[in-house]
Protein backbone atom coordinates (compact mmCIF):
# COMPACT_ATOMS: atom_id res chain seq x y z
CA MET A 1 38.60 -12.12 -54.90
CA THR A 2 36.94 -8.70 -55.11
CA LEU A 3 37.07 -5.88 -52.58
CA ASN A 4 33.51 -6.71 -51.52
CA HIS A 5 34.54 -10.32 -50.89
CA ALA A 6 37.35 -9.11 -48.62
CA ILE A 7 34.96 -6.74 -46.82
CA ALA A 8 32.52 -9.60 -46.34
CA LEU A 9 35.26 -11.72 -44.76
CA SER A 10 36.03 -8.88 -42.34
CA LEU A 11 32.43 -9.25 -41.11
CA VAL A 12 32.86 -12.92 -40.18
CA ASP A 13 33.40 -12.90 -36.41
CA ASP A 14 34.63 -16.49 -36.12
CA LEU A 15 36.85 -16.56 -39.21
CA SER A 16 39.70 -18.99 -38.54
CA ARG A 17 43.14 -17.38 -38.61
CA VAL A 18 44.97 -20.69 -39.06
CA GLY A 19 46.93 -20.48 -42.31
CA LEU A 20 44.74 -17.58 -43.39
CA THR A 21 47.32 -15.93 -45.66
CA GLU A 22 47.87 -19.13 -47.61
CA ARG A 23 44.12 -19.69 -47.86
CA LEU A 24 43.64 -16.20 -49.24
CA THR A 25 46.43 -16.41 -51.80
CA SER A 26 45.19 -19.80 -53.00
CA GLU A 27 41.60 -18.52 -53.40
CA ASP A 28 40.25 -21.08 -50.91
CA PRO A 29 36.68 -21.89 -52.09
CA GLU A 30 35.48 -22.09 -48.48
CA LEU A 31 36.51 -18.46 -47.93
CA LEU A 32 34.79 -17.42 -51.14
CA GLU A 33 31.62 -19.21 -50.02
CA LEU A 34 31.72 -17.49 -46.62
CA ALA A 35 32.13 -14.13 -48.31
CA SER A 36 29.42 -14.69 -50.91
CA ARG A 37 26.79 -14.97 -48.19
CA ARG A 38 27.43 -11.38 -47.06
CA LEU A 39 28.22 -9.52 -50.26
CA ALA A 40 25.13 -7.31 -50.10
CA GLU A 41 25.94 -6.35 -46.52
CA ALA A 42 29.55 -5.69 -47.53
CA GLN A 43 28.55 -3.33 -50.34
CA CYS A 44 26.26 -1.38 -48.03
CA LEU A 45 28.95 -1.07 -45.35
CA ARG A 46 31.52 -0.02 -47.93
CA GLU A 47 29.31 2.87 -49.05
CA GLN A 48 28.53 3.94 -45.49
CA ALA A 49 32.20 3.86 -44.52
CA ALA A 50 33.27 5.83 -47.58
CA ALA A 51 30.75 8.53 -46.72
CA ARG A 52 32.51 8.88 -43.34
CA GLY A 53 36.01 9.04 -44.80
CA ILE A 54 36.88 5.41 -44.06
CA GLY A 55 38.56 3.41 -46.82
CA ALA A 56 38.88 -0.34 -47.33
CA LEU A 57 42.04 -2.09 -48.51
CA ALA A 58 41.84 -5.74 -49.59
CA TRP A 59 44.68 -8.22 -49.09
CA ASN A 60 45.22 -8.52 -52.86
CA ASP A 61 45.35 -4.78 -53.54
CA ALA A 62 48.72 -3.53 -54.79
CA LEU A 63 48.74 -1.00 -51.92
CA TYR A 64 48.19 -3.61 -49.18
CA PRO A 65 51.31 -3.73 -46.96
CA ALA A 66 53.66 -6.39 -48.26
CA ALA A 67 54.98 -6.92 -44.73
CA LEU A 68 51.65 -8.36 -43.58
CA LEU A 69 51.63 -10.84 -46.45
CA THR A 70 54.74 -12.43 -44.92
CA THR A 71 52.73 -13.38 -41.82
CA THR A 72 50.65 -16.55 -41.61
CA ASP A 73 47.37 -14.84 -40.73
CA CYS A 74 47.18 -11.50 -42.51
CA PRO A 75 43.81 -9.70 -42.29
CA PRO A 76 41.72 -10.13 -45.45
CA LEU A 77 40.90 -6.44 -45.21
CA LEU A 78 42.18 -3.28 -43.56
CA TRP A 79 39.82 -0.40 -42.81
CA TYR A 80 41.74 2.87 -42.74
CA ARG A 81 41.79 6.65 -42.50
CA GLY A 82 44.81 8.45 -43.86
CA ASP A 83 47.59 7.73 -46.33
CA VAL A 84 48.02 4.04 -47.25
CA ALA A 85 51.53 4.82 -48.54
CA ALA A 86 52.61 4.90 -44.89
CA LEU A 87 51.95 1.16 -44.70
CA ASN A 88 54.75 0.34 -47.13
CA ALA A 89 57.46 2.58 -45.68
CA PRO A 90 60.09 1.17 -43.26
CA ALA A 91 58.39 0.87 -39.87
CA VAL A 92 59.28 0.26 -36.23
CA ALA A 93 56.73 -0.46 -33.50
CA ILE A 94 56.99 1.13 -30.06
CA VAL A 95 54.87 -0.42 -27.28
CA GLY A 96 54.84 -0.35 -23.51
CA SER A 97 52.96 0.34 -20.31
CA ARG A 98 49.63 2.11 -20.27
CA ALA A 99 50.36 3.39 -16.77
CA ALA A 100 53.81 4.53 -17.80
CA SER A 101 56.24 6.52 -15.70
CA ALA A 102 57.26 10.03 -16.71
CA VAL A 103 60.65 8.68 -17.78
CA ALA A 104 59.06 6.04 -20.02
CA LEU A 105 56.76 8.61 -21.64
CA GLU A 106 59.65 10.97 -22.36
CA THR A 107 61.76 8.08 -23.70
CA ALA A 108 58.98 6.91 -26.03
CA LEU A 109 58.38 10.45 -27.30
CA ARG A 110 62.07 11.11 -27.92
CA ILE A 111 62.83 7.82 -29.65
CA ALA A 112 59.72 8.04 -31.82
CA SER A 113 60.52 11.61 -32.81
CA ASP A 114 64.06 10.67 -33.79
CA LEU A 115 62.94 7.61 -35.75
CA ALA A 116 60.37 9.65 -37.65
CA ALA A 117 63.04 12.23 -38.48
CA HIS A 118 64.95 9.39 -40.19
CA GLY A 119 61.91 8.53 -42.32
CA ILE A 120 60.73 5.61 -40.18
CA VAL A 121 56.99 5.17 -39.67
CA VAL A 122 56.32 4.57 -35.97
CA VAL A 123 53.62 1.94 -35.36
CA SER A 124 51.68 1.62 -32.10
CA GLY A 125 48.22 0.94 -30.72
CA LEU A 126 46.81 4.36 -29.67
CA ALA A 127 46.59 3.19 -26.06
CA ARG A 128 47.28 5.37 -23.06
CA GLY A 129 50.85 5.69 -21.88
CA VAL A 130 53.76 4.65 -24.08
CA ASP A 131 51.63 4.15 -27.22
CA SER A 132 50.22 7.67 -27.27
CA ALA A 133 53.61 9.19 -26.39
CA ALA A 134 55.15 7.33 -29.34
CA HIS A 135 52.46 8.60 -31.71
CA ARG A 136 52.87 12.18 -30.50
CA GLY A 137 56.64 11.99 -30.79
CA ALA A 138 56.49 10.66 -34.35
CA LEU A 139 54.10 13.43 -35.39
CA GLN A 140 56.76 16.01 -34.47
CA HIS A 141 58.94 15.03 -37.43
CA GLY A 142 57.13 12.49 -39.59
CA ARG A 143 54.46 9.82 -39.82
CA THR A 144 52.93 7.24 -37.52
CA ALA A 145 50.45 4.38 -37.86
CA ALA A 146 47.88 3.53 -35.18
CA VAL A 147 46.39 0.03 -35.17
CA LEU A 148 43.06 -0.22 -33.34
CA GLY A 149 41.30 -3.07 -31.59
CA SER A 150 37.93 -1.61 -32.59
CA GLY A 151 36.21 0.02 -35.53
CA LEU A 152 37.61 3.34 -36.72
CA ASP A 153 34.47 5.12 -35.53
CA CYS A 154 34.84 3.67 -32.01
CA ILE A 155 38.14 5.19 -30.89
CA TYR A 156 39.39 3.82 -27.59
CA PRO A 157 40.25 5.42 -25.28
CA HIS A 158 37.82 8.18 -26.15
CA GLU A 159 40.21 10.96 -25.11
CA HIS A 160 42.43 9.96 -28.05
CA VAL A 161 39.87 10.93 -30.71
CA GLY A 162 41.83 14.11 -31.42
CA LEU A 163 45.11 12.20 -31.54
CA ALA A 164 43.58 9.72 -34.00
CA ASP A 165 42.52 12.64 -36.22
CA ALA A 166 46.04 14.08 -36.12
CA ILE A 167 47.54 10.69 -37.00
CA ALA A 168 45.15 10.24 -39.94
CA ALA A 169 46.12 13.68 -41.24
CA GLU A 170 49.84 12.81 -41.36
CA GLY A 171 49.95 9.01 -41.37
CA ILE A 172 47.28 6.35 -41.02
CA VAL A 173 44.81 4.86 -38.54
CA LEU A 174 43.74 1.32 -39.35
CA SER A 175 41.89 -1.72 -38.10
CA GLU A 176 40.91 -5.16 -39.32
CA TYR A 177 37.55 -4.60 -37.61
CA PRO A 178 34.69 -2.99 -39.54
CA PRO A 179 33.11 0.30 -38.46
CA GLN A 180 30.84 0.12 -35.41
CA THR A 181 32.95 -2.67 -33.85
CA VAL A 182 33.18 -1.88 -30.15
CA PRO A 183 36.49 -2.19 -28.23
CA LEU A 184 36.25 -5.47 -26.33
CA PRO A 185 39.24 -6.86 -24.38
CA PHE A 186 39.83 -9.94 -26.57
CA ARG A 187 40.30 -7.81 -29.68
CA PHE A 188 43.42 -5.99 -28.46
CA PRO A 189 45.74 -9.03 -28.27
CA LEU A 190 44.61 -9.96 -31.79
CA ARG A 191 45.47 -6.53 -33.19
CA ASN A 192 48.97 -6.83 -31.72
CA ARG A 193 49.99 -9.22 -34.51
CA ILE A 194 49.26 -6.42 -36.98
CA ILE A 195 51.39 -3.93 -35.04
CA SER A 196 54.36 -6.30 -35.15
CA GLY A 197 53.57 -7.58 -38.64
CA LEU A 198 53.80 -4.09 -40.14
CA SER A 199 57.16 -3.44 -38.47
CA ARG A 200 60.77 -4.42 -38.90
CA ALA A 201 61.21 -4.41 -35.12
CA VAL A 202 59.19 -4.05 -31.93
CA VAL A 203 60.69 -1.79 -29.26
CA VAL A 204 59.41 -2.38 -25.73
CA ILE A 205 59.56 0.52 -23.26
CA GLU A 206 58.59 -0.23 -19.66
CA ALA A 207 56.67 -3.52 -19.55
CA SER A 208 55.80 -5.47 -16.42
CA ASP A 209 55.79 -9.27 -16.36
CA LYS A 210 52.07 -9.25 -17.23
CA SER A 211 52.15 -6.47 -19.81
CA GLY A 212 50.23 -6.78 -23.06
CA SER A 213 53.38 -5.52 -24.75
CA LEU A 214 54.85 -8.98 -24.22
CA ILE A 215 52.13 -10.36 -26.50
CA THR A 216 53.28 -7.99 -29.23
CA ALA A 217 56.88 -9.05 -28.65
CA GLY A 218 55.84 -12.69 -28.91
CA CYS A 219 54.06 -11.99 -32.20
CA ALA A 220 57.20 -10.27 -33.47
CA LEU A 221 59.33 -13.30 -32.70
CA ASP A 222 56.84 -15.61 -34.40
CA GLN A 223 56.91 -13.35 -37.47
CA GLY A 224 60.69 -13.13 -37.68
CA ARG A 225 60.86 -9.51 -36.53
CA GLU A 226 63.45 -8.08 -34.17
CA VAL A 227 62.59 -7.45 -30.53
CA MET A 228 64.34 -4.59 -28.73
CA VAL A 229 64.04 -3.34 -25.17
CA VAL A 230 64.85 -0.05 -23.48
CA PRO A 231 66.07 -1.05 -19.99
CA GLY A 232 64.70 0.64 -16.91
CA ASN A 233 64.61 0.84 -13.14
CA VAL A 234 65.00 -2.58 -11.49
CA LEU A 235 63.36 -1.48 -8.23
CA SER A 236 59.92 -0.39 -9.42
CA GLY A 237 58.80 -3.68 -10.98
CA ARG A 238 57.63 -1.79 -14.06
CA ASN A 239 60.39 -3.27 -16.23
CA ARG A 240 60.39 -6.96 -15.28
CA GLY A 241 58.78 -8.05 -18.53
CA GLY A 242 61.20 -6.07 -20.64
CA HIS A 243 64.20 -7.30 -18.71
CA ALA A 244 62.97 -10.88 -19.12
CA LEU A 245 62.98 -10.28 -22.88
CA LEU A 246 66.58 -9.06 -22.61
CA ARG A 247 67.57 -12.25 -20.78
CA ASP A 248 65.94 -14.20 -23.61
CA GLY A 249 68.05 -12.47 -26.24
CA ALA A 250 66.25 -9.24 -27.13
CA HIS A 251 68.47 -6.34 -28.20
CA LEU A 252 69.17 -3.66 -25.61
CA VAL A 253 68.65 -0.19 -27.07
CA GLU A 254 68.63 3.30 -25.59
CA THR A 255 68.28 5.63 -28.58
CA ALA A 256 66.85 5.76 -32.08
CA ASP A 257 70.38 5.40 -33.45
CA ASP A 258 70.74 2.12 -31.52
CA ILE A 259 67.55 0.86 -33.18
CA LEU A 260 68.60 1.99 -36.67
CA SER A 261 72.03 0.44 -36.17
CA GLU A 262 70.56 -2.91 -35.12
CA LEU A 263 68.40 -2.82 -38.25
CA HIS A 264 71.47 -1.95 -40.37
CA LEU A 265 69.94 1.36 -41.42
CA ILE A 266 72.88 3.42 -40.16
CA GLU A 267 76.47 2.64 -39.35
CA PRO A 268 77.14 2.15 -35.61
CA GLY A 269 77.87 5.51 -33.99
CA SER A 270 76.57 7.48 -36.96
CA SER A 271 73.59 9.83 -36.98
CA GLN A 272 73.26 9.67 -40.77
CA THR A 273 71.18 7.06 -42.58
CA ASN A 274 73.32 4.66 -44.54
CA SER A 275 71.27 1.66 -45.51
CA VAL A 276 73.23 -1.54 -45.86
CA GLU A 277 70.66 -2.73 -48.37
CA SER A 278 71.28 0.39 -50.48
CA ALA A 279 74.90 -0.68 -50.84
CA ILE A 280 73.72 -3.82 -52.62
CA SER A 281 73.77 -3.44 -56.38
CA ASP A 282 70.37 -3.38 -58.04
CA ASP A 283 71.58 -5.78 -60.74
CA PRO A 284 71.82 -9.10 -58.79
CA LEU A 285 68.14 -8.98 -57.88
CA LEU A 286 66.74 -7.23 -60.94
CA ASP A 287 68.74 -9.32 -63.42
CA LYS A 288 67.11 -12.44 -62.02
CA MET A 289 63.64 -11.04 -62.67
CA GLU A 290 62.05 -11.60 -66.05
CA ALA A 291 60.43 -8.41 -67.32
CA GLY A 292 56.65 -8.48 -67.06
CA HIS A 293 56.59 -11.54 -64.79
CA PRO A 294 55.18 -11.04 -61.26
CA TYR A 295 57.23 -12.45 -58.38
CA ASP A 296 55.99 -13.15 -54.89
CA LEU A 297 58.00 -12.29 -51.78
CA ASP A 298 59.40 -15.78 -51.23
CA ALA A 299 60.80 -15.90 -54.76
CA LEU A 300 62.35 -12.45 -54.38
CA ALA A 301 63.87 -13.34 -51.02
CA ALA A 302 65.52 -16.38 -52.56
CA ALA A 303 66.81 -14.34 -55.51
CA ALA A 304 68.18 -11.56 -53.28
CA GLY A 305 69.63 -13.86 -50.63
CA LEU A 306 67.86 -11.87 -47.91
CA ASP A 307 65.35 -12.84 -45.27
CA LEU A 308 61.95 -11.19 -45.53
CA PRO A 309 62.44 -8.47 -42.87
CA ARG A 310 65.59 -7.28 -44.72
CA LEU A 311 64.05 -7.75 -48.15
CA LEU A 312 61.04 -5.50 -47.59
CA PRO A 313 62.91 -2.19 -47.18
CA ARG A 314 65.06 -3.16 -50.17
CA LEU A 315 61.95 -3.56 -52.30
CA SER A 316 60.69 -0.18 -51.07
CA GLN A 317 63.93 1.43 -52.21
CA LEU A 318 63.69 -0.17 -55.66
CA GLU A 319 60.08 1.02 -55.92
CA LEU A 320 61.12 4.58 -55.11
CA LYS A 321 63.79 4.38 -57.81
CA GLY A 322 61.14 3.24 -60.29
CA LEU A 323 62.88 -0.10 -60.84
CA LEU A 324 60.06 -2.22 -59.40
CA ARG A 325 56.32 -1.80 -59.22
CA ARG A 326 53.83 -3.52 -56.97
CA VAL A 327 50.89 -5.48 -58.37
CA GLU A 328 47.97 -7.37 -56.83
CA GLY A 329 48.57 -10.02 -54.21
CA GLY A 330 51.74 -8.44 -52.81
CA ARG A 331 53.78 -9.35 -55.90
CA PHE A 332 56.35 -7.26 -57.75
CA ILE A 333 57.24 -6.71 -61.40
CA ARG A 334 60.51 -5.35 -62.74
CA SER A 335 59.99 -2.05 -64.49
CA ALA A 336 61.23 -1.61 -68.03
CA ARG A 337 64.73 -0.17 -68.04
CA THR A 338 65.54 2.98 -69.88
CA CYS A 339 68.86 3.86 -71.47
């Protein structure tokens, strides 16, 4: 499947999401037929977007986030502004109330800032309230990723145009929706699966019992991601949704260190990163990989004895060491060893 095929699929409004990842990886002829009908339109849109600084990343590109390929309905294409490398770094999502209290805003900003200082990419949805506070906090010490429910040229809310520009300069702004797609209500719950899919965990800060953040938390659970909640005031009603998640088994966290500890990225009580995965010898995984042979994520998870959320940061570490390299379709190849 070419980039233009993937762009064409992003233009199909009623594209079924059922088993979409499997259909993409198996080169489903029905998808190829749908795409072939709009290839000319796709090429034109690609050129127009590029002229406006908007890139297009197909599902089978080596730079496409491997984390999304572990979900059942990954987007065939991501439109983006910024640095795509941010999509393959360890990530944590922070979501919460749009009409957030001052305490929630300060909490989101502080936790995001501290996570970014540890090299974590903070993912959120550019909405008012907790989302924007999380983005601003992350920008103080690192990178953040904003996932939109509209085209990248239709920033919503409009007052966050400047924030989106700042995020693109340091991290990435992305959407599965093509340019000129307006922000309609039904699109925001759909984008939530991307927020959780990119992340190792979703942290909920101040969510009522009808909060959209609960949709993101539900997506995270479906995708095998961790759900964490910062507890809050029991009298205001602003935290009922979050507290319900806690009753259902979500992790209670108060600080960035709590989050990193739950994800086994630091030792409990420590402020220094100490990845559990980094303590695992390279040899058990790499020795099971035949040089030059591409392996998909399921095969690597079986070889490493890790579930996918724990495998992904491990693969990122091996990439940084030059021991693995990513190829098309979210697969990995062992690099040649040097003496």
